[in-house]
Amino acid sequence: MKTVTVIVYGGTIEKKILVEDRGNILIVTTEDEWKAAERENRPPVAIGFRREYLVE
């Protein structure tokens, strides 16, 4: 499980779990959703962020 730090709506910086790296788009989810998905044996609900919102 890899974490990334992204800038979310409103400029807040948050840590997210990286689900998939599609080049210019990072598919991420929250830690709580990741754990729930593992527990329920399902894919996590995730959203995409443009790589430009990644905090290095």
Protein backbone atom coordinates (compact mmCIF):
# COMPACT_ATOMS: atom_id res chain seq x y z
CA MET A 1 0.00 0.00 0.00
CA LYS A 2 1.59 3.26 -1.16
CA THR A 3 0.48 6.64 0.13
CA VAL A 4 0.62 9.93 -1.73
CA THR A 5 0.00 13.50 -0.64
CA VAL A 6 -2.35 15.53 -2.81
CA ILE A 7 -3.93 18.96 -2.84
CA VAL A 8 -7.71 18.53 -2.61
CA TYR A 9 -10.53 20.96 -3.40
CA GLY A 10 -10.09 24.16 -1.40
CA GLY A 11 -6.30 23.82 -1.23
CA THR A 12 -6.15 21.41 1.69
CA ILE A 13 -3.30 18.88 1.62
CA GLU A 14 -4.26 15.27 2.44
CA LYS A 15 -2.62 11.85 2.42
CA LYS A 16 -4.38 9.25 0.24
CA ILE A 17 -3.81 5.62 -0.69
CA LEU A 18 -2.63 5.19 -4.29
CA VAL A 19 -4.85 2.62 -6.04
CA GLU A 20 -3.47 3.06 -9.56
CA ASP A 21 -1.04 5.33 -11.39
CA ARG A 22 -2.31 6.04 -14.92
CA GLY A 23 0.44 8.47 -15.88
CA ASN A 24 -1.16 11.92 -15.75
CA ILE A 25 -3.96 10.68 -13.48
CA LEU A 26 -3.56 9.17 -10.01
CA ILE A 27 -6.44 7.01 -8.78
CA VAL A 28 -6.61 7.38 -4.98
CA THR A 29 -8.80 6.50 -2.03
CA THR A 30 -8.87 7.13 1.72
CA GLU A 31 -7.30 4.77 4.24
CA ASP A 32 -10.72 4.02 5.77
CA GLU A 33 -12.19 3.11 2.37
CA TRP A 34 -9.15 0.96 1.55
CA LYS A 35 -9.57 -1.03 4.78
CA ALA A 36 -13.34 -1.38 4.27
CA ALA A 37 -12.83 -2.64 0.71
CA GLU A 38 -10.31 -5.24 1.88
CA ARG A 39 -12.63 -6.36 4.68
CA GLU A 40 -15.62 -6.59 2.30
CA ASN A 41 -13.57 -8.16 -0.53
CA ARG A 42 -14.45 -5.49 -3.10
CA PRO A 43 -12.62 -2.82 -5.08
CA PRO A 44 -12.26 0.49 -3.22
CA VAL A 45 -14.32 3.51 -4.18
CA ALA A 46 -11.69 5.84 -5.63
CA ILE A 47 -11.32 9.16 -7.42
CA GLY A 48 -8.81 10.56 -9.88
CA PHE A 49 -6.39 13.42 -9.31
CA ARG A 50 -4.25 15.03 -11.97
CA ARG A 51 -0.57 14.52 -11.30
CA GLU A 52 -0.17 18.31 -10.98
CA TYR A 53 -2.04 18.09 -7.63
CA LEU A 54 0.56 15.68 -6.22
CA VAL A 55 2.71 17.20 -3.49
CA GLU A 56 6.28 15.93 -3.89
